[in-house]
Amino acid sequence: MIEIELPAHLRTLGKLGGGRLFLVVEAPHTLGRAMDALEKQWPDLRGTLRDHLTGKRRPFIRFYACGQDLSLEAWDYLLPEEVVSGKEPLLLIGAIAGG
């Protein structure tokens, strides 16, 4: 089971409450399948992580796992075994811009 951590504003938007989310992701355990499972289980998040039309990651959403920035990886990127086994979370971070 994959554990996903979302920032507070995305938990609020998705009406998820506090804490972490746990997802069942079908093999192969890719970044795209994790996003599919997240949006399927919490449909209010659709369009906030990926563009509705292009399916591309929104510019200010970042993905991290095991100390690595996965934000620029393709959707078919295989998640690290530590994430797939639940030892490490997949972090979704909403970047902040401004001056």
PDB file of N, CA and C in Angstrom:
ATOM      1  N   MET A   1       0.850  -1.176   0.000  1.00  0.00           N
ATOM      2  CA  MET A   1       0.000   0.000   0.000  1.00  0.00           C
ATOM      3  C   MET A   1       0.893   1.236   0.000  1.00  0.00           C
ATOM      4  N   ILE A   2       0.616   2.162  -0.859  1.00  0.00           N
ATOM      5  CA  ILE A   2       1.413   3.379  -0.991  1.00  0.00           C
ATOM      6  C   ILE A   2       0.840   4.468  -0.088  1.00  0.00           C
ATOM      7  N   GLU A   3       1.724   5.117   0.632  1.00  0.00           N
ATOM      8  CA  GLU A   3       1.341   6.208   1.521  1.00  0.00           C
ATOM      9  C   GLU A   3       1.666   7.528   0.829  1.00  0.00           C
ATOM     10  N   ILE A   4       0.691   8.417   0.810  1.00  0.00           N
ATOM     11  CA  ILE A   4       0.887   9.724   0.181  1.00  0.00           C
ATOM     12  C   ILE A   4       0.666  10.805   1.223  1.00  0.00           C
ATOM     13  N   GLU A   5       1.564  11.762   1.244  1.00  0.00           N
ATOM     14  CA  GLU A   5       1.400  12.933   2.103  1.00  0.00           C
ATOM     15  C   GLU A   5       1.076  14.128   1.234  1.00  0.00           C
ATOM     16  N   LEU A   6       0.010  14.821   1.602  1.00  0.00           N
ATOM     17  CA  LEU A   6      -0.408  16.030   0.894  1.00  0.00           C
ATOM     18  C   LEU A   6      -0.276  17.230   1.818  1.00  0.00           C
ATOM     19  N   PRO A   7       0.016  18.407   1.271  1.00  0.00           N
ATOM     20  CA  PRO A   7       0.025  19.607   2.106  1.00  0.00           C
ATOM     21  C   PRO A   7      -1.392  19.929   2.584  1.00  0.00           C
ATOM     22  N   ALA A   8      -1.467  20.686   3.650  1.00  0.00           N
ATOM     23  CA  ALA A   8      -2.753  20.990   4.292  1.00  0.00           C
ATOM     24  C   ALA A   8      -3.769  21.585   3.323  1.00  0.00           C
ATOM     25  N   HIS A   9      -3.346  22.496   2.435  1.00  0.00           N
ATOM     26  CA  HIS A   9      -4.321  23.136   1.550  1.00  0.00           C
ATOM     27  C   HIS A   9      -4.930  22.140   0.572  1.00  0.00           C
ATOM     28  N   LEU A  10      -4.181  21.124   0.143  1.00  0.00           N
ATOM     29  CA  LEU A  10      -4.755  20.110  -0.750  1.00  0.00           C
ATOM     30  C   LEU A  10      -5.642  19.134   0.011  1.00  0.00           C
ATOM     31  N   ARG A  11      -5.302  18.845   1.274  1.00  0.00           N
ATOM     32  CA  ARG A  11      -6.186  18.002   2.093  1.00  0.00           C
ATOM     33  C   ARG A  11      -7.507  18.704   2.318  1.00  0.00           C
ATOM     34  N   THR A  12      -7.449  20.019   2.554  1.00  0.00           N
ATOM     35  CA  THR A  12      -8.672  20.793   2.749  1.00  0.00           C
ATOM     36  C   THR A  12      -9.500  20.820   1.469  1.00  0.00           C
ATOM     37  N   LEU A  13      -8.857  21.095   0.340  1.00  0.00           N
ATOM     38  CA  LEU A  13      -9.548  21.136  -0.945  1.00  0.00           C
ATOM     39  C   LEU A  13     -10.210  19.790  -1.265  1.00  0.00           C
ATOM     40  N   GLY A  14      -9.520  18.714  -0.974  1.00  0.00           N
ATOM     41  CA  GLY A  14     -10.048  17.384  -1.255  1.00  0.00           C
ATOM     42  C   GLY A  14     -10.966  16.854  -0.176  1.00  0.00           C
ATOM     43  N   LYS A  15     -11.215  17.669   0.862  1.00  0.00           N
ATOM     44  CA  LYS A  15     -12.070  17.277   1.983  1.00  0.00           C
ATOM     45  C   LYS A  15     -11.563  15.986   2.620  1.00  0.00           C
ATOM     46  N   LEU A  16     -10.247  15.945   2.869  1.00  0.00           N
ATOM     47  CA  LEU A  16      -9.611  14.724   3.341  1.00  0.00           C
ATOM     48  C   LEU A  16      -9.344  14.702   4.833  1.00  0.00           C
ATOM     49  N   GLY A  17      -9.501  15.826   5.505  1.00  0.00           N
ATOM     50  CA  GLY A  17      -9.164  15.841   6.916  1.00  0.00           C
ATOM     51  C   GLY A  17      -7.661  15.835   7.110  1.00  0.00           C
ATOM     52  N   GLY A  18      -7.225  15.440   8.280  1.00  0.00           N
ATOM     53  CA  GLY A  18      -5.795  15.442   8.576  1.00  0.00           C
ATOM     54  C   GLY A  18      -5.156  14.105   8.282  1.00  0.00           C
ATOM     55  N   GLY A  19      -3.869  14.075   8.468  1.00  0.00           N
ATOM     56  CA  GLY A  19      -3.142  12.824   8.343  1.00  0.00           C
ATOM     57  C   GLY A  19      -2.735  12.462   6.934  1.00  0.00           C
ATOM     58  N   ARG A  20      -2.281  11.227   6.820  1.00  0.00           N
ATOM     59  CA  ARG A  20      -1.767  10.718   5.556  1.00  0.00           C
ATOM     60  C   ARG A  20      -2.836   9.915   4.833  1.00  0.00           C
ATOM     61  N   LEU A  21      -2.622   9.726   3.550  1.00  0.00           N
ATOM     62  CA  LEU A  21      -3.534   8.948   2.717  1.00  0.00           C
ATOM     63  C   LEU A  21      -2.864   7.640   2.344  1.00  0.00           C
ATOM     64  N   PHE A  22      -3.642   6.600   2.246  1.00  0.00           N
ATOM     65  CA  PHE A  22      -3.110   5.309   1.852  1.00  0.00           C
ATOM     66  C   PHE A  22      -3.852   4.845   0.616  1.00  0.00           C
ATOM     67  N   LEU A  23      -3.112   4.422  -0.396  1.00  0.00           N
ATOM     68  CA  LEU A  23      -3.693   4.040  -1.676  1.00  0.00           C
ATOM     69  C   LEU A  23      -3.285   2.636  -2.069  1.00  0.00           C
ATOM     70  N   VAL A  24      -4.199   1.949  -2.695  1.00  0.00           N
ATOM     71  CA  VAL A  24      -3.864   0.698  -3.352  1.00  0.00           C
ATOM     72  C   VAL A  24      -3.614   1.048  -4.812  1.00  0.00           C
ATOM     73  N   VAL A  25      -2.419   0.784  -5.282  1.00  0.00           N
ATOM     74  CA  VAL A  25      -2.034   1.113  -6.649  1.00  0.00           C
ATOM     75  C   VAL A  25      -1.698  -0.189  -7.358  1.00  0.00           C
ATOM     76  N   GLU A  26      -2.349  -0.391  -8.503  1.00  0.00           N
ATOM     77  CA  GLU A  26      -2.106  -1.608  -9.273  1.00  0.00           C
ATOM     78  C   GLU A  26      -0.706  -1.590  -9.881  1.00  0.00           C
ATOM     79  N   ALA A  27      -0.139  -2.790 -10.001  1.00  0.00           N
ATOM     80  CA  ALA A  27       1.178  -2.921 -10.645  1.00  0.00           C
ATOM     81  C   ALA A  27       1.023  -2.692 -12.140  1.00  0.00           C
ATOM     82  N   PRO A  28       2.002  -2.146 -12.819  1.00  0.00           N
ATOM     83  CA  PRO A  28       3.256  -1.662 -12.243  1.00  0.00           C
ATOM     84  C   PRO A  28       3.018  -0.383 -11.433  1.00  0.00           C
ATOM     85  N   HIS A  29       3.782  -0.222 -10.389  1.00  0.00           N
ATOM     86  CA  HIS A  29       3.593   0.883  -9.449  1.00  0.00           C
ATOM     87  C   HIS A  29       4.294   2.131  -9.969  1.00  0.00           C
ATOM     88  N   THR A  30       3.600   2.846 -10.823  1.00  0.00           N
ATOM     89  CA  THR A  30       4.174   4.034 -11.445  1.00  0.00           C
ATOM     90  C   THR A  30       3.624   5.305 -10.814  1.00  0.00           C
ATOM     91  N   LEU A  31       4.305   6.394 -11.091  1.00  0.00           N
ATOM     92  CA  LEU A  31       3.851   7.697 -10.624  1.00  0.00           C
ATOM     93  C   LEU A  31       2.458   8.011 -11.172  1.00  0.00           C
ATOM     94  N   GLY A  32       2.242   7.722 -12.451  1.00  0.00           N
ATOM     95  CA  GLY A  32       0.938   7.983 -13.066  1.00  0.00           C
ATOM     96  C   GLY A  32      -0.183   7.163 -12.453  1.00  0.00           C
ATOM     97  N   ARG A  33       0.083   5.897 -12.172  1.00  0.00           N
ATOM     98  CA  ARG A  33      -0.947   5.049 -11.550  1.00  0.00           C
ATOM     99  C   ARG A  33      -1.255   5.517 -10.140  1.00  0.00           C
ATOM    100  N   ALA A  34      -0.245   6.019  -9.435  1.00  0.00           N
ATOM    101  CA  ALA A  34      -0.493   6.571  -8.102  1.00  0.00           C
ATOM    102  C   ALA A  34      -1.402   7.792  -8.199  1.00  0.00           C
ATOM    103  N   MET A  35      -1.171   8.654  -9.193  1.00  0.00           N
ATOM    104  CA  MET A  35      -2.031   9.830  -9.368  1.00  0.00           C
ATOM    105  C   MET A  35      -3.437   9.411  -9.794  1.00  0.00           C
ATOM    106  N   ASP A  36      -3.544   8.406 -10.653  1.00  0.00           N
ATOM    107  CA  ASP A  36      -4.857   7.887 -11.050  1.00  0.00           C
ATOM    108  C   ASP A  36      -5.638   7.393  -9.834  1.00  0.00           C
ATOM    109  N   ALA A  37      -4.962   6.618  -8.970  1.00  0.00           N
ATOM    110  CA  ALA A  37      -5.612   6.070  -7.780  1.00  0.00           C
ATOM    111  C   ALA A  37      -6.025   7.178  -6.817  1.00  0.00           C
ATOM    112  N   LEU A  38      -5.165   8.182  -6.666  1.00  0.00           N
ATOM    113  CA  LEU A  38      -5.474   9.308  -5.782  1.00  0.00           C
ATOM    114  C   LEU A  38      -6.705  10.058  -6.269  1.00  0.00           C
ATOM    115  N   GLU A  39      -6.748  10.355  -7.564  1.00  0.00           N
ATOM    116  CA  GLU A  39      -7.884  11.100  -8.124  1.00  0.00           C
ATOM    117  C   GLU A  39      -9.154  10.259  -8.159  1.00  0.00           C
ATOM    118  N   LYS A  40      -9.015   8.959  -8.290  1.00  0.00           N
ATOM    119  CA  LYS A  40     -10.193   8.083  -8.278  1.00  0.00           C
ATOM    120  C   LYS A  40     -10.790   8.020  -6.876  1.00  0.00           C
ATOM    121  N   GLN A  41      -9.938   7.898  -5.870  1.00  0.00           N
ATOM    122  CA  GLN A  41     -10.422   7.789  -4.499  1.00  0.00           C
ATOM    123  C   GLN A  41     -10.910   9.126  -3.958  1.00  0.00           C
ATOM    124  N   TRP A  42     -10.265  10.223  -4.371  1.00  0.00           N
ATOM    125  CA  TRP A  42     -10.658  11.565  -3.921  1.00  0.00           C
ATOM    126  C   TRP A  42     -10.863  12.453  -5.143  1.00  0.00           C
ATOM    127  N   PRO A  43     -12.027  12.353  -5.792  1.00  0.00           N
ATOM    128  CA  PRO A  43     -12.270  13.071  -7.053  1.00  0.00           C
ATOM    129  C   PRO A  43     -12.186  14.592  -6.952  1.00  0.00           C
ATOM    130  N   ASP A  44     -12.325  15.141  -5.755  1.00  0.00           N
ATOM    131  CA  ASP A  44     -12.213  16.601  -5.614  1.00  0.00           C
ATOM    132  C   ASP A  44     -10.813  17.100  -5.946  1.00  0.00           C
ATOM    133  N   LEU A  45      -9.833  16.207  -5.975  1.00  0.00           N
ATOM    134  CA  LEU A  45      -8.462  16.603  -6.306  1.00  0.00           C
ATOM    135  C   LEU A  45      -8.204  16.630  -7.811  1.00  0.00           C
ATOM    136  N   ARG A  46      -9.138  16.117  -8.609  1.00  0.00           N
ATOM    137  CA  ARG A  46      -8.950  16.125 -10.065  1.00  0.00           C
ATOM    138  C   ARG A  46      -8.777  17.544 -10.563  1.00  0.00           C
ATOM    139  N   GLY A  47      -7.771  17.721 -11.379  1.00  0.00           N
ATOM    140  CA  GLY A  47      -7.497  19.042 -11.936  1.00  0.00           C
ATOM    141  C   GLY A  47      -6.577  19.890 -11.086  1.00  0.00           C
ATOM    142  N   THR A  48      -6.342  19.493  -9.843  1.00  0.00           N
ATOM    143  CA  THR A  48      -5.439  20.275  -9.000  1.00  0.00           C
ATOM    144  C   THR A  48      -3.998  19.796  -9.112  1.00  0.00           C
ATOM    145  N   LEU A  49      -3.810  18.519  -9.402  1.00  0.00           N
ATOM    146  CA  LEU A  49      -2.468  17.953  -9.519  1.00  0.00           C
ATOM    147  C   LEU A  49      -2.017  17.872 -10.966  1.00  0.00           C
ATOM    148  N   ARG A  50      -2.975  17.589 -11.844  1.00  0.00           N
ATOM    149  CA  ARG A  50      -2.694  17.453 -13.279  1.00  0.00           C
ATOM    150  C   ARG A  50      -3.711  18.271 -14.059  1.00  0.00           C
ATOM    151  N   ASP A  51      -3.266  18.812 -15.162  1.00  0.00           N
ATOM    152  CA  ASP A  51      -4.142  19.573 -16.045  1.00  0.00           C
ATOM    153  C   ASP A  51      -5.209  18.651 -16.627  1.00  0.00           C
ATOM    154  N   HIS A  52      -6.470  19.121 -16.653  1.00  0.00           N
ATOM    155  CA  HIS A  52      -7.585  18.325 -17.174  1.00  0.00           C
ATOM    156  C   HIS A  52      -7.374  17.909 -18.627  1.00  0.00           C
ATOM    157  N   LEU A  53      -6.878  18.818 -19.434  1.00  0.00           N
ATOM    158  CA  LEU A  53      -6.778  18.553 -20.873  1.00  0.00           C
ATOM    159  C   LEU A  53      -5.504  17.812 -21.260  1.00  0.00           C
ATOM    160  N   THR A  54      -4.376  18.257 -20.747  1.00  0.00           N
ATOM    161  CA  THR A  54      -3.106  17.666 -21.169  1.00  0.00           C
ATOM    162  C   THR A  54      -2.655  16.507 -20.297  1.00  0.00           C
ATOM    163  N   GLY A  55      -3.144  16.449 -19.069  1.00  0.00           N
ATOM    164  CA  GLY A  55      -2.705  15.416 -18.143  1.00  0.00           C
ATOM    165  C   GLY A  55      -1.347  15.691 -17.531  1.00  0.00           C
ATOM    166  N   LYS A  56      -0.744  16.845 -17.845  1.00  0.00           N
ATOM    167  CA  LYS A  56       0.574  17.185 -17.318  1.00  0.00           C
ATOM    168  C   LYS A  56       0.461  17.674 -15.877  1.00  0.00           C
ATOM    169  N   ARG A  57       1.545  17.454 -15.134  1.00  0.00           N
ATOM    170  CA  ARG A  57       1.632  17.936 -13.756  1.00  0.00           C
ATOM    171  C   ARG A  57       1.469  19.449 -13.736  1.00  0.00           C
ATOM    172  N   ARG A  58       0.695  19.932 -12.779  1.00  0.00           N
ATOM    173  CA  ARG A  58       0.569  21.380 -12.610  1.00  0.00           C
ATOM    174  C   ARG A  58       1.934  21.948 -12.206  1.00  0.00           C
ATOM    175  N   PRO A  59       2.272  23.142 -12.698  1.00  0.00           N
ATOM    176  CA  PRO A  59       3.616  23.693 -12.469  1.00  0.00           C
ATOM    177  C   PRO A  59       4.027  23.825 -11.008  1.00  0.00           C
ATOM    178  N   PHE A  60       3.101  24.097 -10.126  1.00  0.00           N
ATOM    179  CA  PHE A  60       3.470  24.331  -8.737  1.00  0.00           C
ATOM    180  C   PHE A  60       3.228  23.126  -7.843  1.00  0.00           C
ATOM    181  N   ILE A  61       3.053  21.969  -8.434  1.00  0.00           N
ATOM    182  CA  ILE A  61       2.957  20.722  -7.672  1.00  0.00           C
ATOM    183  C   ILE A  61       4.255  19.954  -7.891  1.00  0.00           C
ATOM    184  N   ARG A  62       4.846  19.511  -6.799  1.00  0.00           N
ATOM    185  CA  ARG A  62       6.100  18.764  -6.865  1.00  0.00           C
ATOM    186  C   ARG A  62       5.899  17.400  -6.208  1.00  0.00           C
ATOM    187  N   PHE A  63       6.619  16.396  -6.703  1.00  0.00           N
ATOM    188  CA  PHE A  63       6.556  15.041  -6.172  1.00  0.00           C
ATOM    189  C   PHE A  63       7.941  14.662  -5.643  1.00  0.00           C
ATOM    190  N   TYR A  64       7.987  14.117  -4.441  1.00  0.00           N
ATOM    191  CA  TYR A  64       9.246  13.692  -3.835  1.00  0.00           C
ATOM    192  C   TYR A  64       9.082  12.308  -3.218  1.00  0.00           C
ATOM    193  N   ALA A  65      10.148  11.516  -3.282  1.00  0.00           N
ATOM    194  CA  ALA A  65      10.188  10.213  -2.615  1.00  0.00           C
ATOM    195  C   ALA A  65      11.637   9.849  -2.358  1.00  0.00           C
ATOM    196  N   CYS A  66      11.897   9.333  -1.182  1.00  0.00           N
ATOM    197  CA  CYS A  66      13.235   8.852  -0.822  1.00  0.00           C
ATOM    198  C   CYS A  66      14.309   9.911  -1.067  1.00  0.00           C
ATOM    199  N   GLY A  67      14.000  11.161  -0.772  1.00  0.00           N
ATOM    200  CA  GLY A  67      14.959  12.239  -0.939  1.00  0.00           C
ATOM    201  C   GLY A  67      15.194  12.663  -2.375  1.00  0.00           C
ATOM    202  N   GLN A  68      14.382  12.177  -3.310  1.00  0.00           N
ATOM    203  CA  GLN A  68      14.542  12.518  -4.723  1.00  0.00           C
ATOM    204  C   GLN A  68      13.355  13.338  -5.211  1.00  0.00           C
ATOM    205  N   ASP A  69      13.638  14.293  -6.061  1.00  0.00           N
ATOM    206  CA  ASP A  69      12.590  15.065  -6.723  1.00  0.00           C
ATOM    207  C   ASP A  69      12.146  14.279  -7.952  1.00  0.00           C
ATOM    208  N   LEU A  70      10.893  13.834  -7.939  1.00  0.00           N
ATOM    209  CA  LEU A  70      10.337  13.049  -9.046  1.00  0.00           C
ATOM    210  C   LEU A  70       9.458  13.901  -9.963  1.00  0.00           C
ATOM    211  N   SER A  71       9.438  15.182  -9.738  1.00  0.00           N
ATOM    212  CA  SER A  71       8.500  16.068 -10.422  1.00  0.00           C
ATOM    213  C   SER A  71       8.622  16.058 -11.939  1.00  0.00           C
ATOM    214  N   LEU A  72       9.805  15.861 -12.456  1.00  0.00           N
ATOM    215  CA  LEU A  72       9.999  15.896 -13.905  1.00  0.00           C
ATOM    216  C   LEU A  72      10.020  14.508 -14.533  1.00  0.00           C
ATOM    217  N   GLU A  73       9.774  13.487 -13.731  1.00  0.00           N
ATOM    218  CA  GLU A  73       9.733  12.125 -14.259  1.00  0.00           C
ATOM    219  C   GLU A  73       8.444  11.913 -15.058  1.00  0.00           C
ATOM    220  N   ALA A  74       8.511  10.993 -16.009  1.00  0.00           N
ATOM    221  CA  ALA A  74       7.326  10.647 -16.807  1.00  0.00           C
ATOM    222  C   ALA A  74       6.332   9.885 -15.930  1.00  0.00           C
ATOM    223  N   TRP A  75       5.078   9.859 -16.355  1.00  0.00           N
ATOM    224  CA  TRP A  75       4.046   9.167 -15.594  1.00  0.00           C
ATOM    225  C   TRP A  75       4.309   7.669 -15.491  1.00  0.00           C
ATOM    226  N   ASP A  76       5.115   7.107 -16.393  1.00  0.00           N
ATOM    227  CA  ASP A  76       5.408   5.675 -16.323  1.00  0.00           C
ATOM    228  C   ASP A  76       6.650   5.369 -15.471  1.00  0.00           C
ATOM    229  N   TYR A  77       7.131   6.369 -14.747  1.00  0.00           N
ATOM    230  CA  TYR A  77       8.278   6.185 -13.853  1.00  0.00           C
ATOM    231  C   TYR A  77       7.889   5.217 -12.732  1.00  0.00           C
ATOM    232  N   LEU A  78       8.681   4.174 -12.542  1.00  0.00           N
ATOM    233  CA  LEU A  78       8.422   3.201 -11.478  1.00  0.00           C
ATOM    234  C   LEU A  78       8.809   3.801 -10.129  1.00  0.00           C
ATOM    235  N   LEU A  79       7.876   3.769  -9.189  1.00  0.00           N
ATOM    236  CA  LEU A  79       8.139   4.300  -7.863  1.00  0.00           C
ATOM    237  C   LEU A  79       9.170   3.444  -7.148  1.00  0.00           C
ATOM    238  N   PRO A  80      10.004   4.057  -6.291  1.00  0.00           N
ATOM    239  CA  PRO A  80      11.005   3.291  -5.555  1.00  0.00           C
ATOM    240  C   PRO A  80      10.352   2.212  -4.684  1.00  0.00           C
ATOM    241  N   GLU A  81      11.053   1.124  -4.484  1.00  0.00           N
ATOM    242  CA  GLU A  81      10.534   0.000  -3.688  1.00  0.00           C
ATOM    243  C   GLU A  81      10.147   0.441  -2.275  1.00  0.00           C
ATOM    244  N   GLU A  82      10.874   1.411  -1.709  1.00  0.00           N
ATOM    245  CA  GLU A  82      10.542   1.902  -0.370  1.00  0.00           C
ATOM    246  C   GLU A  82       9.151   2.530  -0.328  1.00  0.00           C
ATOM    247  N   VAL A  83       8.741   3.171  -1.424  1.00  0.00           N
ATOM    248  CA  VAL A  83       7.409   3.769  -1.503  1.00  0.00           C
ATOM    249  C   VAL A  83       6.364   2.681  -1.717  1.00  0.00           C
ATOM    250  N   VAL A  84       6.644   1.763  -2.608  1.00  0.00           N
ATOM    251  CA  VAL A  84       5.698   0.683  -2.920  1.00  0.00           C
ATOM    252  C   VAL A  84       5.436  -0.176  -1.677  1.00  0.00           C
ATOM    253  N   SER A  85       6.462  -0.407  -0.874  1.00  0.00           N
ATOM    254  CA  SER A  85       6.312  -1.243   0.321  1.00  0.00           C
ATOM    255  C   SER A  85       5.724  -0.482   1.510  1.00  0.00           C
ATOM    256  N   GLY A  86       5.584   0.834   1.395  1.00  0.00           N
ATOM    257  CA  GLY A  86       5.024   1.630   2.480  1.00  0.00           C
ATOM    258  C   GLY A  86       6.041   2.097   3.503  1.00  0.00           C
ATOM    259  N   LYS A  87       7.321   1.838   3.261  1.00  0.00           N
ATOM    260  CA  LYS A  87       8.363   2.281   4.193  1.00  0.00           C
ATOM    261  C   LYS A  87       8.597   3.782   4.105  1.00  0.00           C
ATOM    262  N   GLU A  88       8.415   4.332   2.914  1.00  0.00           N
ATOM    263  CA  GLU A  88       8.601   5.768   2.675  1.00  0.00           C
ATOM    264  C   GLU A  88       7.349   6.314   2.001  1.00  0.00           C
ATOM    265  N   PRO A  89       6.951   7.540   2.324  1.00  0.00           N
ATOM    266  CA  PRO A  89       5.780   8.128   1.667  1.00  0.00           C
ATOM    267  C   PRO A  89       6.148   8.768   0.330  1.00  0.00           C
ATOM    268  N   LEU A  90       5.152   8.925  -0.498  1.00  0.00           N
ATOM    269  CA  LEU A  90       5.246   9.751  -1.703  1.00  0.00           C
ATOM    270  C   LEU A  90       4.731  11.122  -1.269  1.00  0.00           C
ATOM    271  N   LEU A  91       5.581  12.125  -1.347  1.00  0.00           N
ATOM    272  CA  LEU A  91       5.218  13.470  -0.888  1.00  0.00           C
ATOM    273  C   LEU A  91       4.758  14.305  -2.076  1.00  0.00           C
ATOM    274  N   LEU A  92       3.608  14.943  -1.944  1.00  0.00           N
ATOM    275  CA  LEU A  92       3.126  15.899  -2.921  1.00  0.00           C
ATOM    276  C   LEU A  92       3.180  17.257  -2.253  1.00  0.00           C
ATOM    277  N   ILE A  93       3.943  18.143  -2.841  1.00  0.00           N
ATOM    278  CA  ILE A  93       4.189  19.451  -2.249  1.00  0.00           C
ATOM    279  C   ILE A  93       3.639  20.524  -3.170  1.00  0.00           C
ATOM    280  N   GLY A  94       2.896  21.456  -2.619  1.00  0.00           N
ATOM    281  CA  GLY A  94       2.446  22.609  -3.363  1.00  0.00           C
ATOM    282  C   GLY A  94       3.474  23.716  -3.203  1.00  0.00           C
ATOM    283  N   ALA A  95       4.227  23.997  -4.257  1.00  0.00           N
ATOM    284  CA  ALA A  95       5.270  25.017  -4.185  1.00  0.00           C
ATOM    285  C   ALA A  95       4.645  26.396  -4.015  1.00  0.00           C
ATOM    286  N   ILE A  96       5.395  27.278  -3.392  1.00  0.00           N
ATOM    287  CA  ILE A  96       4.935  28.652  -3.155  1.00  0.00           C
ATOM    288  C   ILE A  96       5.838  29.584  -3.961  1.00  0.00           C
ATOM    289  N   ALA A  97       5.229  30.468  -4.706  1.00  0.00           N
ATOM    290  CA  ALA A  97       5.988  31.419  -5.511  1.00  0.00           C
ATOM    291  C   ALA A  97       5.665  32.837  -5.028  1.00  0.00           C
ATOM    292  N   GLY A  98       6.545  33.702  -5.332  1.00  0.00           N
ATOM    293  CA  GLY A  98       6.302  35.101  -4.971  1.00  0.00           C
ATOM    294  C   GLY A  98       7.555  35.735  -4.429  1.00  0.00           C
ATOM    295  N   GLY A  99       7.411  36.958  -4.010  1.00  0.00           N
ATOM    296  CA  GLY A  99       8.605  37.657  -3.577  1.00  0.00           C
ATOM    297  C   GLY A  99       8.505  38.269  -2.270  1.00  0.00           C
TER     298      GLY A  99
END
